């Protein structure tokens, strides 16, 4: 499994372990986002997300190493001449551990509520580094339109559990960092233009 690296943008995604859903009710989605804010927001900027009944997608940028080392979290703080060596040896493990803590804490609560046992997510979550502007834009659009792709809704604006509302300026989103994605599309208008074009392509594929 490729290690997570500071100051790198990633497409992160994971799926239910088996055929059951990881989100059964509205409250599950909001609870997951609360856990996400606790475990992931301290280590990353979030550009996009989409939560679907049996899987999710994220587009994030992990924070710079100096910012990570300044976090008030046990076992990551260090100083002086050991700071760089510590970061090289430990930081990737720490980043992966934060995601593991997210999945574990959500699963424990989920299992308690629904009287189930065992893992809920696939053991190894997927991560793809974003290495070009085109890959960034394509991944961003793919995530925002994921509910349309899976035919959950016909209009992406009708799916509540994605980051799209933040880009529609419906409210100030507590998780989403909007500036960099908008800049990568030049402006907000072009971003929404590209979304419409991608949606048309998705619908054309479904009609074939």
C-alpha atoms as a PDB file:
ATOM      1  CA  UNK A   1       0.000   0.000   0.000  1.00  0.00           C
ATOM      2  CA  UNK A   2       1.461   3.345  -1.076  1.00  0.00           C
ATOM      3  CA  UNK A   3       2.216   5.566   1.969  1.00  0.00           C
ATOM      4  CA  UNK A   4       0.412   8.855   2.446  1.00  0.00           C
ATOM      5  CA  UNK A   5       2.717  11.848   2.035  1.00  0.00           C
ATOM      6  CA  UNK A   6       2.433  15.372   3.447  1.00  0.00           C
ATOM      7  CA  UNK A   7       1.433  18.216   1.128  1.00  0.00           C
ATOM      8  CA  UNK A   8       0.052  15.750  -1.445  1.00  0.00           C
ATOM      9  CA  UNK A   9      -3.442  15.732  -2.946  1.00  0.00           C
ATOM     10  CA  UNK A  10      -5.255  12.385  -2.909  1.00  0.00           C
ATOM     11  CA  UNK A  11      -8.435  10.774  -4.118  1.00  0.00           C
ATOM     12  CA  UNK A  12      -9.435   8.647  -1.110  1.00  0.00           C
ATOM     13  CA  UNK A  13     -12.229   6.113  -1.285  1.00  0.00           C
ATOM     14  CA  UNK A  14     -13.516   3.068   0.525  1.00  0.00           C
ATOM     15  CA  UNK A  15     -16.372   0.583   0.292  1.00  0.00           C
ATOM     16  CA  UNK A  16     -18.459  -1.510   2.624  1.00  0.00           C
ATOM     17  CA  UNK A  17     -16.953  -4.853   3.574  1.00  0.00           C
ATOM     18  CA  UNK A  18     -19.456  -7.106   1.827  1.00  0.00           C
ATOM     19  CA  UNK A  19     -22.896  -6.254   0.533  1.00  0.00           C
ATOM     20  CA  UNK A  20     -24.370  -4.244   3.375  1.00  0.00           C
ATOM     21  CA  UNK A  21     -24.522  -0.448   3.544  1.00  0.00           C
ATOM     22  CA  UNK A  22     -22.241   1.723   5.634  1.00  0.00           C
ATOM     23  CA  UNK A  23     -24.948   4.412   5.774  1.00  0.00           C
ATOM     24  CA  UNK A  24     -28.439   3.097   6.543  1.00  0.00           C
ATOM     25  CA  UNK A  25     -30.132   6.279   7.762  1.00  0.00           C
ATOM     26  CA  UNK A  26     -29.749  10.040   7.489  1.00  0.00           C
ATOM     27  CA  UNK A  27     -28.173  10.204  10.922  1.00  0.00           C
ATOM     28  CA  UNK A  28     -25.373   7.858   9.802  1.00  0.00           C
ATOM     29  CA  UNK A  29     -24.152  10.341   7.188  1.00  0.00           C
ATOM     30  CA  UNK A  30     -24.070  13.262   9.593  1.00  0.00           C
ATOM     31  CA  UNK A  31     -22.379  11.151  12.269  1.00  0.00           C
ATOM     32  CA  UNK A  32     -19.675  10.083   9.797  1.00  0.00           C
ATOM     33  CA  UNK A  33     -19.026  13.727   8.927  1.00  0.00           C
ATOM     34  CA  UNK A  34     -18.698  14.568  12.623  1.00  0.00           C
ATOM     35  CA  UNK A  35     -16.091  11.832  12.996  1.00  0.00           C
ATOM     36  CA  UNK A  36     -14.420  13.002   9.807  1.00  0.00           C
ATOM     37  CA  UNK A  37     -14.122  16.527  11.161  1.00  0.00           C
ATOM     38  CA  UNK A  38     -12.523  15.183  14.336  1.00  0.00           C
ATOM     39  CA  UNK A  39      -9.980  12.841  12.749  1.00  0.00           C
ATOM     40  CA  UNK A  40      -9.258  14.157   9.245  1.00  0.00           C
ATOM     41  CA  UNK A  41      -9.820  17.916   9.291  1.00  0.00           C
ATOM     42  CA  UNK A  42      -6.759  18.463  11.541  1.00  0.00           C
ATOM     43  CA  UNK A  43      -4.485  16.762   8.986  1.00  0.00           C
ATOM     44  CA  UNK A  44      -5.989  17.744   5.624  1.00  0.00           C
ATOM     45  CA  UNK A  45      -7.905  20.249   3.576  1.00  0.00           C
ATOM     46  CA  UNK A  46     -11.017  18.750   2.002  1.00  0.00           C
ATOM     47  CA  UNK A  47     -11.875  19.836  -1.531  1.00  0.00           C
ATOM     48  CA  UNK A  48     -14.738  17.432  -2.286  1.00  0.00           C
ATOM     49  CA  UNK A  49     -16.628  14.487  -0.863  1.00  0.00           C
ATOM     50  CA  UNK A  50     -19.578  12.276  -1.707  1.00  0.00           C
ATOM     51  CA  UNK A  51     -21.112   9.775   0.699  1.00  0.00           C
ATOM     52  CA  UNK A  52     -23.246   7.039  -0.850  1.00  0.00           C
ATOM     53  CA  UNK A  53     -25.019   4.158   0.898  1.00  0.00           C
ATOM     54  CA  UNK A  54     -22.227   1.596   0.432  1.00  0.00           C
ATOM     55  CA  UNK A  55     -19.122   3.702  -0.291  1.00  0.00           C
ATOM     56  CA  UNK A  56     -17.622   7.186  -0.251  1.00  0.00           C
ATOM     57  CA  UNK A  57     -15.147   9.389  -2.138  1.00  0.00           C
ATOM     58  CA  UNK A  58     -12.900  12.199  -0.894  1.00  0.00           C
ATOM     59  CA  UNK A  59     -10.599  14.690  -2.572  1.00  0.00           C
ATOM     60  CA  UNK A  60      -8.156  16.006   0.008  1.00  0.00           C
ATOM     61  CA  UNK A  61      -4.799  17.712   0.365  1.00  0.00           C
ATOM     62  CA  UNK A  62      -2.722  16.587   3.313  1.00  0.00           C
ATOM     63  CA  UNK A  63      -1.142  19.380   5.288  1.00  0.00           C
ATOM     64  CA  UNK A  64       2.524  20.350   5.117  1.00  0.00           C
ATOM     65  CA  UNK A  65       4.875  18.429   7.344  1.00  0.00           C
ATOM     66  CA  UNK A  66       5.651  21.420   9.575  1.00  0.00           C
ATOM     67  CA  UNK A  67       1.926  21.917  10.208  1.00  0.00           C
ATOM     68  CA  UNK A  68       1.439  18.232  10.989  1.00  0.00           C
ATOM     69  CA  UNK A  69       4.321  18.208  13.444  1.00  0.00           C
ATOM     70  CA  UNK A  70       2.809  21.154  15.284  1.00  0.00           C
ATOM     71  CA  UNK A  71      -0.466  19.347  15.947  1.00  0.00           C
ATOM     72  CA  UNK A  72      -1.225  18.911  19.664  1.00  0.00           C
ATOM     73  CA  UNK A  73      -1.525  15.155  19.295  1.00  0.00           C
ATOM     74  CA  UNK A  74       0.303  12.651  21.451  1.00  0.00           C
ATOM     75  CA  UNK A  75       3.250  10.845  19.834  1.00  0.00           C
ATOM     76  CA  UNK A  76       3.670  13.255  16.935  1.00  0.00           C
ATOM     77  CA  UNK A  77       5.184  16.322  18.584  1.00  0.00           C
ATOM     78  CA  UNK A  78       8.946  16.713  18.491  1.00  0.00           C
ATOM     79  CA  UNK A  79      11.489  19.484  18.238  1.00  0.00           C
ATOM     80  CA  UNK A  80      15.092  20.375  17.580  1.00  0.00           C
ATOM     81  CA  UNK A  81      17.493  18.235  15.563  1.00  0.00           C
ATOM     82  CA  UNK A  82      15.191  15.172  15.679  1.00  0.00           C
ATOM     83  CA  UNK A  83      12.274  16.928  13.996  1.00  0.00           C
ATOM     84  CA  UNK A  84      13.089  16.064  10.366  1.00  0.00           C
ATOM     85  CA  UNK A  85      14.174  12.492  11.094  1.00  0.00           C
ATOM     86  CA  UNK A  86      11.039  11.928  13.112  1.00  0.00           C
ATOM     87  CA  UNK A  87       8.855  13.200  10.304  1.00  0.00           C
ATOM     88  CA  UNK A  88      10.430  10.942   7.699  1.00  0.00           C
ATOM     89  CA  UNK A  89      10.012   7.826   9.808  1.00  0.00           C
ATOM     90  CA  UNK A  90       6.653   8.405  11.444  1.00  0.00           C
ATOM     91  CA  UNK A  91       4.484  10.859   9.578  1.00  0.00           C
ATOM     92  CA  UNK A  92       3.101   8.460   6.939  1.00  0.00           C
ATOM     93  CA  UNK A  93       2.063   6.033   9.646  1.00  0.00           C
ATOM     94  CA  UNK A  94       0.404   8.837  11.589  1.00  0.00           C
ATOM     95  CA  UNK A  95      -1.600   9.976   8.532  1.00  0.00           C
ATOM     96  CA  UNK A  96      -2.849   6.464   7.801  1.00  0.00           C
ATOM     97  CA  UNK A  97      -3.630   5.996  11.484  1.00  0.00           C
ATOM     98  CA  UNK A  98      -5.931   9.016  11.434  1.00  0.00           C
ATOM     99  CA  UNK A  99      -8.014   7.376   8.701  1.00  0.00           C
ATOM    100  CA  UNK A 100      -7.965   4.071  10.587  1.00  0.00           C
ATOM    101  CA  UNK A 101      -9.240   5.899  13.666  1.00  0.00           C
ATOM    102  CA  UNK A 102     -12.050   7.426  11.605  1.00  0.00           C
ATOM    103  CA  UNK A 103     -13.198   4.057  10.283  1.00  0.00           C
ATOM    104  CA  UNK A 104     -12.775   2.317  13.629  1.00  0.00           C
ATOM    105  CA  UNK A 105     -14.674   4.881  15.680  1.00  0.00           C
ATOM    106  CA  UNK A 106     -17.521   5.023  13.158  1.00  0.00           C
ATOM    107  CA  UNK A 107     -17.712   1.211  12.976  1.00  0.00           C
ATOM    108  CA  UNK A 108     -17.799   0.812  16.753  1.00  0.00           C
ATOM    109  CA  UNK A 109     -20.748   3.187  17.059  1.00  0.00           C
ATOM    110  CA  UNK A 110     -22.490   1.675  14.016  1.00  0.00           C
ATOM    111  CA  UNK A 111     -22.109  -1.857  15.383  1.00  0.00           C
ATOM    112  CA  UNK A 112     -23.500  -0.810  18.738  1.00  0.00           C
ATOM    113  CA  UNK A 113     -26.568   0.854  17.232  1.00  0.00           C
ATOM    114  CA  UNK A 114     -27.378  -1.963  14.783  1.00  0.00           C
ATOM    115  CA  UNK A 115     -26.333  -4.923  16.955  1.00  0.00           C
ATOM    116  CA  UNK A 116     -23.709  -6.177  14.526  1.00  0.00           C
ATOM    117  CA  UNK A 117     -20.116  -7.373  14.789  1.00  0.00           C
ATOM    118  CA  UNK A 118     -17.000  -7.208  12.697  1.00  0.00           C
ATOM    119  CA  UNK A 119     -15.493  -4.819  10.208  1.00  0.00           C
ATOM    120  CA  UNK A 120     -17.713  -2.452   8.259  1.00  0.00           C
ATOM    121  CA  UNK A 121     -15.206  -1.030   5.750  1.00  0.00           C
ATOM    122  CA  UNK A 122     -12.703  -2.789   3.523  1.00  0.00           C
ATOM    123  CA  UNK A 123      -9.443  -3.116   5.432  1.00  0.00           C
ATOM    124  CA  UNK A 124      -7.218  -1.124   3.066  1.00  0.00           C
ATOM    125  CA  UNK A 125      -8.752   2.140   1.929  1.00  0.00           C
ATOM    126  CA  UNK A 126      -7.812   3.241  -1.586  1.00  0.00           C
ATOM    127  CA  UNK A 127      -5.683   6.288  -2.253  1.00  0.00           C
ATOM    128  CA  UNK A 128      -4.657   7.755  -5.587  1.00  0.00           C
ATOM    129  CA  UNK A 129      -2.210  10.678  -5.664  1.00  0.00           C
ATOM    130  CA  UNK A 130      -3.331  13.547  -7.871  1.00  0.00           C
ATOM    131  CA  UNK A 131      -0.395  14.344 -10.129  1.00  0.00           C
ATOM    132  CA  UNK A 132      -1.715  16.770 -12.737  1.00  0.00           C
ATOM    133  CA  UNK A 133      -4.219  19.644 -13.071  1.00  0.00           C
ATOM    134  CA  UNK A 134      -6.340  17.568 -15.450  1.00  0.00           C
ATOM    135  CA  UNK A 135      -6.469  14.650 -13.010  1.00  0.00           C
ATOM    136  CA  UNK A 136      -7.509  17.052 -10.263  1.00  0.00           C
ATOM    137  CA  UNK A 137     -10.378  18.495 -12.311  1.00  0.00           C
ATOM    138  CA  UNK A 138     -11.572  15.096 -13.524  1.00  0.00           C
ATOM    139  CA  UNK A 139     -11.508  13.622 -10.023  1.00  0.00           C
ATOM    140  CA  UNK A 140     -13.316  16.622  -8.581  1.00  0.00           C
ATOM    141  CA  UNK A 141     -16.103  16.347 -11.160  1.00  0.00           C
ATOM    142  CA  UNK A 142     -16.329  12.578 -10.762  1.00  0.00           C
ATOM    143  CA  UNK A 143     -16.836  12.902  -7.006  1.00  0.00           C
ATOM    144  CA  UNK A 144     -19.416  15.679  -7.238  1.00  0.00           C
ATOM    145  CA  UNK A 145     -21.423  13.647  -9.774  1.00  0.00           C
ATOM    146  CA  UNK A 146     -21.065  10.273  -8.097  1.00  0.00           C
ATOM    147  CA  UNK A 147     -24.680  10.099  -6.937  1.00  0.00           C
ATOM    148  CA  UNK A 148     -25.770  10.693 -10.549  1.00  0.00           C
ATOM    149  CA  UNK A 149     -23.319   8.071 -11.823  1.00  0.00           C
ATOM    150  CA  UNK A 150     -24.846   5.478  -9.499  1.00  0.00           C
ATOM    151  CA  UNK A 151     -28.395   6.557 -10.431  1.00  0.00           C
ATOM    152  CA  UNK A 152     -29.319   7.544  -6.893  1.00  0.00           C
ATOM    153  CA  UNK A 153     -30.493  10.926  -8.158  1.00  0.00           C
ATOM    154  CA  UNK A 154     -30.869  12.478 -11.607  1.00  0.00           C
ATOM    155  CA  UNK A 155     -29.691  15.900 -10.469  1.00  0.00           C
ATOM    156  CA  UNK A 156     -26.551  16.124  -8.345  1.00  0.00           C
ATOM    157  CA  UNK A 157     -28.052  19.043  -6.422  1.00  0.00           C
ATOM    158  CA  UNK A 158     -30.687  16.668  -5.040  1.00  0.00           C
ATOM    159  CA  UNK A 159     -28.105  14.566  -3.193  1.00  0.00           C
ATOM    160  CA  UNK A 160     -27.624  16.002   0.254  1.00  0.00           C
ATOM    161  CA  UNK A 161     -24.488  14.113   1.249  1.00  0.00           C
ATOM    162  CA  UNK A 162     -21.911  15.654  -1.037  1.00  0.00           C
ATOM    163  CA  UNK A 163     -19.801  18.802  -0.984  1.00  0.00           C
ATOM    164  CA  UNK A 164     -21.590  20.347  -3.952  1.00  0.00           C
ATOM    165  CA  UNK A 165     -23.769  22.593  -1.792  1.00  0.00           C
ATOM    166  CA  UNK A 166     -20.646  24.392  -0.600  1.00  0.00           C
ATOM    167  CA  UNK A 167     -19.814  25.312  -4.201  1.00  0.00           C
ATOM    168  CA  UNK A 168     -23.367  26.438  -4.865  1.00  0.00           C
ATOM    169  CA  UNK A 169     -22.918  28.977  -2.058  1.00  0.00           C
ATOM    170  CA  UNK A 170     -25.955  27.632  -0.257  1.00  0.00           C
ATOM    171  CA  UNK A 171     -24.132  27.885   3.045  1.00  0.00           C
ATOM    172  CA  UNK A 172     -20.689  28.230   4.546  1.00  0.00           C
ATOM    173  CA  UNK A 173     -19.466  24.661   4.760  1.00  0.00           C
ATOM    174  CA  UNK A 174     -17.467  23.716   7.830  1.00  0.00           C
ATOM    175  CA  UNK A 175     -15.450  21.022   6.026  1.00  0.00           C
ATOM    176  CA  UNK A 176     -14.763  22.329   2.537  1.00  0.00           C
ATOM    177  CA  UNK A 177     -11.827  24.441   1.349  1.00  0.00           C
ATOM    178  CA  UNK A 178     -13.197  26.034  -1.823  1.00  0.00           C
ATOM    179  CA  UNK A 179     -10.520  28.416  -3.022  1.00  0.00           C
ATOM    180  CA  UNK A 180      -8.040  26.015  -4.606  1.00  0.00           C
ATOM    181  CA  UNK A 181     -10.613  23.939  -6.539  1.00  0.00           C
ATOM    182  CA  UNK A 182     -12.270  27.084  -7.921  1.00  0.00           C
ATOM    183  CA  UNK A 183      -8.880  28.433  -8.985  1.00  0.00           C
ATOM    184  CA  UNK A 184      -8.106  25.173 -10.766  1.00  0.00           C
ATOM    185  CA  UNK A 185     -11.257  25.684 -12.863  1.00  0.00           C
ATOM    186  CA  UNK A 186     -10.372  29.390 -13.288  1.00  0.00           C
ATOM    187  CA  UNK A 187     -13.659  30.480 -11.697  1.00  0.00           C
ATOM    188  CA  UNK A 188     -16.899  29.213 -10.200  1.00  0.00           C
ATOM    189  CA  UNK A 189     -18.867  29.673 -13.419  1.00  0.00           C
ATOM    190  CA  UNK A 190     -16.512  27.434 -15.379  1.00  0.00           C
ATOM    191  CA  UNK A 191     -16.611  24.835 -12.623  1.00  0.00           C
ATOM    192  CA  UNK A 192     -20.394  24.558 -12.911  1.00  0.00           C
ATOM    193  CA  UNK A 193     -20.170  24.566 -16.706  1.00  0.00           C
ATOM    194  CA  UNK A 194     -17.810  21.585 -16.534  1.00  0.00           C
ATOM    195  CA  UNK A 195     -20.150  19.816 -14.109  1.00  0.00           C
ATOM    196  CA  UNK A 196     -23.025  20.121 -16.569  1.00  0.00           C
ATOM    197  CA  UNK A 197     -20.883  18.814 -19.419  1.00  0.00           C
ATOM    198  CA  UNK A 198     -19.761  15.819 -17.402  1.00  0.00           C
ATOM    199  CA  UNK A 199     -23.314  15.066 -16.348  1.00  0.00           C
ATOM    200  CA  UNK A 200     -24.454  15.072 -19.975  1.00  0.00           C
ATOM    201  CA  UNK A 201     -21.707  12.573 -20.819  1.00  0.00           C
ATOM    202  CA  UNK A 202     -22.758  10.317 -17.924  1.00  0.00           C
ATOM    203  CA  UNK A 203     -26.376  10.369 -19.042  1.00  0.00           C
ATOM    204  CA  UNK A 204     -25.381   9.639 -22.637  1.00  0.00           C
ATOM    205  CA  UNK A 205     -23.429   6.572 -21.508  1.00  0.00           C
ATOM    206  CA  UNK A 206     -26.451   5.336 -19.502  1.00  0.00           C
ATOM    207  CA  UNK A 207     -28.685   5.695 -22.566  1.00  0.00           C
ATOM    208  CA  UNK A 208     -26.432   3.630 -24.814  1.00  0.00           C
END
